[in-house]
Amino acid sequence: LFFAIFCSVYSTLFCVFLLFLVFPLAGEAEERLRVLPPKEGIYHSAHPDFGLRDDDVTEQRVDSFLQLAEKAVVWSYISDHWYKGISFPKEACLVLHRKGIIPLIGMMPWSTLKQNKKETKYTLDRIIKGDFDKELQLYAHEVAALGFPVMIEFGPEANGAWFPWSAVWNGGAEKRQYGDSDIPDGPERFRDAYRHIVSLFRAEGVSNVTWVFHLASAPWPDKEWNAPRYYYPGDEWVDWIGVSVYGRLRSGEAKPFHVILKKIYPQLTALSPKKPLAILEMGVSEERGKQDKAEWITSAFSHLKTGAYPRIKAVSWWNKIYRPDGSRSYLEVDSSKSSLSAYRAAVA
């Protein structure tokens, strides 16, 4: 009897020991599958030129940017357009993973690829109602099967009217047709669609996704009802908060990086007291005849290095050579020798 009791107690203690051993390891494993901010410094990330739709991901295109920058990148962006259906870009993620780069997938819920137009298929209302849950569940399973970290941002630059998931096309400033009567319907619908997708992934047991919330620094319209705080899903659903900062996209004077950031930074930090911030898209077009791009690059990175924006933990240059309409963008870091030299020196 004594021997039996001893064995039973020993067995119980051994099982408790295993629980304490296994669960911390499981937690640590899950932590390794998330993209955490650096303890020091700022991540260098980028958007290599992946074609007109930002989805033609090849090792050659990645290598081309790495050779230009002379610097490794932590993550790289892929556009996931839904116009051909909701389908996980697995091969693109594998290409980046082979290069030692974390994929950042931008979920683009539109069926036409046409900006400034209302979406009729992948509407925020339908996403919230779960009309695409079966496709998204399959998507989630494929993400989990990769076994390495993936970042996902749903609906980039939602506060800009150029995309159909913007508040402008989903209720705008109206407060009486959906949800909380104190919150504008347009941003509230986006917030709830974002939450729905994150909740679905978690319900499917996906633990290797780092969720990113992406705003535009120049919202349109620039109205109170279109403010970032109405879009923000909340800390429970977001891991990183990011913003696009462009000094100039076509012609005219380039707006200084620090002037743009000085206005948007307080709005970003107000969304959460703890989430890391990222410049998810950064760039300036090299207008013909002007020699200010190199100066803009040098100034931008210099301001980041001053410590004036301590919450910013990553920057990503948008190296797209052509605009969606096929015209030259001159956003690429090597649009001139002086710009390339300035970029290399800034990120070195």
Protein backbone atom coordinates (compact mmCIF):
# COMPACT_ATOMS: atom_id res chain seq x y z
CA LEU A 1 0.00 0.00 0.00
CA PHE A 2 2.82 2.35 0.93
CA PHE A 3 4.52 1.59 -2.37
CA ALA A 4 1.31 2.26 -4.29
CA ILE A 5 0.78 5.60 -2.53
CA PHE A 6 4.41 6.55 -3.17
CA CYS A 7 4.07 5.75 -6.87
CA SER A 8 0.83 7.70 -7.11
CA VAL A 9 2.31 10.79 -5.45
CA TYR A 10 5.49 10.53 -7.50
CA SER A 11 3.45 10.20 -10.70
CA THR A 12 1.36 13.26 -9.80
CA LEU A 13 4.42 15.37 -8.98
CA PHE A 14 6.08 14.26 -12.22
CA CYS A 15 3.01 15.29 -14.22
CA VAL A 16 2.96 18.70 -12.50
CA PHE A 17 6.65 19.09 -13.31
CA LEU A 18 5.93 18.31 -16.96
CA LEU A 19 3.14 20.89 -17.05
CA PHE A 20 5.46 23.59 -15.73
CA LEU A 21 8.11 22.47 -18.19
CA VAL A 22 5.94 22.25 -21.28
CA PHE A 23 3.73 25.30 -20.99
CA PRO A 24 6.51 27.89 -20.66
CA LEU A 25 8.17 26.28 -23.66
CA ALA A 26 4.90 26.44 -25.57
CA GLY A 27 4.56 30.12 -24.66
CA GLU A 28 8.12 30.82 -25.70
CA ALA A 29 7.57 29.00 -28.99
CA GLU A 30 4.50 31.12 -29.69
CA GLU A 31 6.46 34.26 -28.81
CA ARG A 32 9.11 33.32 -31.35
CA LEU A 33 6.44 33.23 -34.03
CA ARG A 34 5.54 36.89 -33.42
CA VAL A 35 7.45 39.92 -34.66
CA LEU A 36 8.46 41.88 -31.58
CA PRO A 37 10.04 45.35 -31.70
CA PRO A 38 13.82 45.61 -31.36
CA LYS A 39 15.12 46.31 -27.86
CA GLU A 40 17.44 48.89 -29.38
CA GLY A 41 17.45 50.74 -32.68
CA ILE A 42 14.98 50.60 -35.58
CA TYR A 43 14.27 47.75 -38.00
CA HIS A 44 15.20 48.34 -41.63
CA SER A 45 12.39 46.92 -43.76
CA ALA A 46 11.32 47.61 -47.31
CA HIS A 47 8.93 47.17 -50.19
CA PRO A 48 11.06 45.92 -53.11
CA ASP A 49 9.54 46.48 -56.53
CA PHE A 50 7.14 43.56 -56.96
CA GLY A 51 5.45 44.79 -60.12
CA LEU A 52 2.44 46.96 -60.85
CA ARG A 53 0.26 45.20 -58.26
CA ASP A 54 2.98 44.55 -55.66
CA ASP A 55 2.43 40.80 -55.87
CA ASP A 56 5.05 39.53 -58.34
CA VAL A 57 7.44 38.26 -55.68
CA THR A 58 10.66 36.65 -56.91
CA GLU A 59 14.09 36.09 -55.43
CA GLN A 60 15.58 38.17 -58.24
CA ARG A 61 13.43 41.18 -57.30
CA VAL A 62 14.37 40.77 -53.64
CA ASP A 63 18.07 40.46 -54.46
CA SER A 64 17.88 43.56 -56.63
CA PHE A 65 16.73 45.69 -53.72
CA LEU A 66 19.18 44.14 -51.25
CA GLN A 67 22.02 44.96 -53.63
CA LEU A 68 20.82 48.54 -53.94
CA ALA A 69 20.38 49.10 -50.21
CA GLU A 70 23.47 47.15 -49.19
CA LYS A 71 21.49 46.30 -46.07
CA ALA A 72 19.37 43.33 -44.99
CA VAL A 73 15.64 43.85 -44.35
CA VAL A 74 13.51 42.45 -41.55
CA TRP A 75 10.18 42.31 -43.37
CA SER A 76 8.89 42.91 -46.87
CA TYR A 77 5.42 43.74 -48.15
CA ILE A 78 3.15 41.69 -50.44
CA SER A 79 -0.19 42.94 -51.73
CA ASP A 80 -2.90 40.30 -51.46
CA HIS A 81 -5.64 41.48 -53.85
CA TRP A 82 -8.96 39.66 -53.56
CA TYR A 83 -10.11 40.35 -57.11
CA LYS A 84 -9.34 36.73 -58.07
CA GLY A 85 -10.82 35.41 -54.85
CA ILE A 86 -9.57 35.06 -51.29
CA SER A 87 -6.44 32.95 -51.62
CA PHE A 88 -3.36 32.94 -49.40
CA PRO A 89 -0.16 34.01 -51.29
CA LYS A 90 1.80 31.01 -50.05
CA GLU A 91 4.50 30.94 -52.73
CA ALA A 92 5.31 34.62 -52.27
CA CYS A 93 5.72 34.05 -48.53
CA LEU A 94 8.02 31.08 -49.17
CA VAL A 95 10.19 33.18 -51.50
CA LEU A 96 10.69 35.79 -48.80
CA HIS A 97 11.25 33.18 -46.11
CA ARG A 98 14.02 31.58 -48.17
CA LYS A 99 15.69 34.98 -48.25
CA GLY A 100 15.44 35.31 -44.47
CA ILE A 101 12.71 37.98 -44.70
CA ILE A 102 9.39 38.05 -42.83
CA PRO A 103 6.37 38.47 -45.15
CA LEU A 104 4.05 41.39 -44.44
CA ILE A 105 0.78 40.65 -46.25
CA GLY A 106 -1.57 43.50 -47.07
CA MET A 107 -5.11 42.09 -47.33
CA MET A 108 -6.81 44.16 -50.03
CA PRO A 109 -10.57 43.40 -49.98
CA TRP A 110 -11.60 44.64 -53.40
CA SER A 111 -12.89 42.94 -56.53
CA THR A 112 -12.06 45.54 -59.19
CA LEU A 113 -8.64 47.06 -58.33
CA LYS A 114 -10.25 50.43 -59.01
CA GLN A 115 -9.60 53.25 -56.57
CA ASN A 116 -12.12 55.89 -55.52
CA LYS A 117 -14.98 53.51 -56.09
CA LYS A 118 -17.44 51.71 -53.81
CA GLU A 119 -16.90 47.96 -53.41
CA THR A 120 -19.89 45.72 -54.18
CA LYS A 121 -18.57 42.24 -53.36
CA TYR A 122 -16.07 42.33 -50.49
CA THR A 123 -17.92 44.93 -48.47
CA LEU A 124 -17.13 45.52 -44.81
CA ASP A 125 -20.70 44.59 -43.92
CA ARG A 126 -20.35 41.19 -45.60
CA ILE A 127 -16.99 40.55 -43.94
CA ILE A 128 -18.49 41.39 -40.55
CA LYS A 129 -21.47 39.09 -41.18
CA GLY A 130 -19.11 36.21 -41.97
CA ASP A 131 -19.98 35.78 -45.64
CA PHE A 132 -16.34 34.92 -46.43
CA ASP A 133 -15.49 32.94 -43.31
CA LYS A 134 -14.98 29.64 -45.14
CA GLU A 135 -12.37 31.14 -47.45
CA LEU A 136 -10.72 32.98 -44.56
CA GLN A 137 -10.61 29.82 -42.43
CA LEU A 138 -8.76 28.01 -45.22
CA TYR A 139 -6.48 31.03 -45.53
CA ALA A 140 -5.80 30.90 -41.77
CA HIS A 141 -4.95 27.18 -41.89
CA GLU A 142 -2.45 27.77 -44.70
CA VAL A 143 -0.81 30.56 -42.75
CA ALA A 144 -0.50 28.33 -39.68
CA ALA A 145 0.95 25.49 -41.76
CA LEU A 146 3.92 27.65 -42.75
CA GLY A 147 5.32 27.41 -39.25
CA PHE A 148 7.20 30.71 -39.47
CA PRO A 149 6.22 34.31 -38.60
CA VAL A 150 3.87 36.18 -40.93
CA MET A 151 2.61 39.74 -40.56
CA ILE A 152 -0.84 40.75 -41.82
CA GLU A 153 -2.42 44.15 -42.24
CA PHE A 154 -6.09 44.25 -43.20
CA GLY A 155 -7.15 47.20 -45.35
CA PRO A 156 -4.06 49.44 -45.63
CA GLU A 157 -4.57 53.21 -45.37
CA ALA A 158 -8.22 52.84 -44.42
CA ASN A 159 -8.49 56.56 -43.63
CA GLY A 160 -7.88 57.41 -47.29
CA ALA A 161 -10.85 57.65 -49.66
CA TRP A 162 -8.84 56.09 -52.51
CA PHE A 163 -9.53 52.57 -51.19
CA PRO A 164 -13.05 51.07 -51.05
CA TRP A 165 -12.60 49.85 -47.45
CA SER A 166 -12.29 53.48 -46.36
CA ALA A 167 -14.94 55.05 -44.16
CA VAL A 168 -15.99 57.28 -47.06
CA TRP A 169 -17.50 54.30 -48.89
CA ASN A 170 -18.91 52.54 -45.82
CA GLY A 171 -21.13 55.01 -44.04
CA GLY A 172 -18.84 57.99 -43.63
CA ALA A 173 -19.80 60.37 -40.83
CA GLU A 174 -23.29 58.90 -40.36
CA LYS A 175 -23.83 57.57 -36.83
CA ARG A 176 -27.34 56.13 -36.87
CA GLN A 177 -27.20 53.29 -39.40
CA TYR A 178 -24.69 50.96 -37.72
CA GLY A 179 -23.40 50.07 -34.27
CA ASP A 180 -22.58 52.66 -31.62
CA SER A 181 -24.40 55.95 -32.19
CA ASP A 182 -21.40 57.84 -30.76
CA ILE A 183 -18.99 56.51 -33.40
CA PRO A 184 -19.07 57.36 -37.14
CA ASP A 185 -20.41 54.36 -39.05
CA GLY A 186 -17.66 54.27 -41.68
CA PRO A 187 -14.67 53.87 -39.36
CA GLU A 188 -16.69 51.66 -37.02
CA ARG A 189 -17.44 49.19 -39.82
CA PHE A 190 -13.75 48.99 -40.69
CA ARG A 191 -12.86 48.46 -37.04
CA ASP A 192 -15.35 45.62 -36.71
CA ALA A 193 -14.26 43.95 -39.97
CA TYR A 194 -10.66 44.03 -38.75
CA ARG A 195 -11.68 42.53 -35.41
CA HIS A 196 -13.70 39.84 -37.16
CA ILE A 197 -10.73 38.64 -39.20
CA VAL A 198 -8.34 38.60 -36.24
CA SER A 199 -10.90 36.76 -34.10
CA LEU A 200 -11.43 34.19 -36.87
CA PHE A 201 -7.70 33.46 -37.14
CA ARG A 202 -7.43 33.05 -33.39
CA ALA A 203 -10.45 30.76 -33.29
CA GLU A 204 -8.66 28.57 -35.84
CA GLY A 205 -5.65 28.36 -33.53
CA VAL A 206 -3.28 30.45 -35.68
CA SER A 207 -0.40 31.70 -33.53
CA ASN A 208 2.20 32.82 -36.08
CA VAL A 209 0.53 36.06 -37.21
CA THR A 210 1.60 39.53 -36.09
CA TRP A 211 -1.31 41.91 -36.73
CA VAL A 212 -0.58 45.35 -38.17
CA PHE A 213 -2.86 48.41 -38.27
CA HIS A 214 -1.98 50.76 -41.15
CA LEU A 215 -3.01 54.41 -41.55
CA ALA A 216 -2.21 57.13 -44.09
CA SER A 217 -0.47 60.24 -42.73
CA ALA A 218 -2.52 62.36 -45.14
CA PRO A 219 -6.15 61.26 -44.56
CA TRP A 220 -8.92 62.10 -46.95
CA PRO A 221 -11.12 63.72 -46.07
CA ASP A 222 -9.22 65.42 -43.26
CA LYS A 223 -12.27 65.60 -41.00
CA GLU A 224 -12.85 64.83 -37.34
CA TRP A 225 -15.11 61.84 -38.14
CA ASN A 226 -12.25 60.31 -40.16
CA ALA A 227 -9.79 60.43 -37.24
CA PRO A 228 -7.50 57.43 -36.52
CA ARG A 229 -9.05 56.70 -33.12
CA TYR A 230 -12.36 55.72 -34.70
CA TYR A 231 -10.67 53.11 -36.91
CA TYR A 232 -8.39 51.57 -34.30
CA PRO A 233 -9.50 48.01 -33.45
CA GLY A 234 -7.88 48.13 -30.00
CA ASP A 235 -4.76 46.72 -28.39
CA GLU A 236 -6.36 43.29 -28.09
CA TRP A 237 -6.43 42.96 -31.88
CA VAL A 238 -3.29 44.85 -32.93
CA ASP A 239 0.45 44.15 -32.48
CA TRP A 240 1.96 47.04 -34.49
CA ILE A 241 0.59 50.45 -35.45
CA GLY A 242 1.92 51.90 -38.70
CA VAL A 243 1.61 54.79 -41.10
CA SER A 244 2.54 55.81 -44.65
CA VAL A 245 4.72 58.91 -44.98
CA TYR A 246 5.38 60.34 -48.45
CA GLY A 247 7.09 63.64 -49.05
CA ARG A 248 5.85 63.84 -52.64
CA LEU A 249 4.13 61.33 -54.91
CA ARG A 250 4.13 63.26 -58.17
CA SER A 251 5.05 66.94 -58.55
CA GLY A 252 5.41 70.04 -56.43
CA GLU A 253 7.46 70.78 -53.35
CA ALA A 254 8.38 67.81 -51.20
CA LYS A 255 6.95 68.11 -47.70
CA PRO A 256 9.68 67.46 -45.12
CA PHE A 257 9.47 64.11 -43.36
CA HIS A 258 9.64 65.60 -39.87
CA VAL A 259 6.82 68.06 -40.63
CA ILE A 260 4.52 65.17 -41.61
CA LEU A 261 5.57 63.03 -38.67
CA LYS A 262 5.24 65.85 -36.15
CA LYS A 263 1.53 66.06 -36.99
CA ILE A 264 0.68 62.34 -37.15
CA TYR A 265 2.95 60.97 -34.39
CA PRO A 266 0.83 62.23 -31.45
CA GLN A 267 -2.26 60.70 -33.04
CA LEU A 268 -0.52 57.34 -33.36
CA THR A 269 0.82 57.29 -29.82
CA ALA A 270 -2.63 58.26 -28.52
CA LEU A 271 -4.11 55.07 -29.97
CA SER A 272 -2.12 52.87 -27.60
CA PRO A 273 0.31 53.55 -24.75
CA LYS A 274 2.45 50.52 -25.55
CA LYS A 275 2.21 49.23 -29.12
CA PRO A 276 5.31 49.71 -31.32
CA LEU A 277 5.00 52.10 -34.25
CA ALA A 278 6.33 51.68 -37.78
CA ILE A 279 6.71 53.80 -40.89
CA LEU A 280 5.13 51.12 -43.07
CA GLU A 281 5.53 53.04 -46.32
CA MET A 282 8.09 55.79 -46.82
CA GLY A 283 9.23 57.61 -49.90
CA VAL A 284 9.51 60.68 -52.07
CA SER A 285 9.32 60.94 -55.85
CA GLU A 286 12.31 62.45 -57.64
CA GLU A 287 10.69 65.16 -59.67
CA ARG A 288 12.56 65.95 -62.86
CA GLY A 289 14.78 68.98 -62.51
CA LYS A 290 14.77 68.99 -58.70
CA GLN A 291 17.71 67.81 -56.61
CA ASP A 292 15.93 67.51 -53.26
CA LYS A 293 15.32 63.76 -52.93
CA ALA A 294 18.75 62.96 -51.48
CA GLU A 295 18.34 65.79 -49.00
CA TRP A 296 14.86 64.53 -48.05
CA ILE A 297 16.21 61.02 -47.40
CA THR A 298 19.13 62.26 -45.31
CA SER A 299 16.90 64.58 -43.29
CA ALA A 300 14.23 61.93 -42.71
CA PHE A 301 16.59 59.34 -41.28
CA SER A 302 18.47 61.97 -39.30
CA HIS A 303 15.26 62.97 -37.52
CA LEU A 304 14.48 59.34 -36.74
CA LYS A 305 17.92 58.91 -35.19
CA THR A 306 17.54 61.89 -32.87
CA GLY A 307 15.26 59.94 -30.55
CA ALA A 308 12.45 62.45 -30.95
CA TYR A 309 10.13 59.60 -31.96
CA PRO A 310 11.05 56.80 -29.53
CA ARG A 311 8.00 54.65 -30.30
CA ILE A 312 9.01 54.22 -33.96
CA LYS A 313 10.67 50.81 -34.20
CA ALA A 314 10.71 50.14 -37.97
CA VAL A 315 10.89 51.91 -41.32
CA SER A 316 10.05 50.55 -44.79
CA TRP A 317 10.99 52.26 -48.03
CA TRP A 318 8.43 51.95 -50.84
CA ASN A 319 10.67 51.06 -53.78
CA LYS A 320 8.00 50.74 -56.41
CA ILE A 321 9.29 51.79 -59.84
CA TYR A 322 5.95 52.15 -61.64
CA ARG A 323 2.57 53.40 -60.52
CA PRO A 324 -0.53 51.21 -60.99
CA ASP A 325 -1.32 53.15 -64.18
CA GLY A 326 2.06 52.14 -65.62
CA SER A 327 3.71 55.55 -65.37
CA ARG A 328 7.14 55.93 -63.77
CA SER A 329 6.98 56.79 -60.07
CA TYR A 330 10.61 57.79 -59.42
CA LEU A 331 10.14 56.52 -55.86
CA GLU A 332 12.90 53.93 -56.15
CA VAL A 333 16.02 54.57 -54.08
CA ASP A 334 18.20 54.57 -57.20
CA SER A 335 16.17 57.13 -59.18
CA SER A 336 19.46 59.07 -59.11
CA LYS A 337 23.01 58.39 -57.96
CA SER A 338 22.73 61.00 -55.23
CA SER A 339 19.50 59.47 -53.88
CA LEU A 340 20.97 55.98 -53.77
CA SER A 341 24.09 57.25 -52.04
CA ALA A 342 21.98 59.09 -49.47
CA TYR A 343 19.83 56.03 -48.78
CA ARG A 344 22.79 53.70 -48.35
CA ALA A 345 24.46 56.10 -45.96
CA ALA A 346 21.23 56.62 -43.99
CA VAL A 347 20.52 52.92 -43.36
CA ALA A 348 24.12 51.76 -43.01
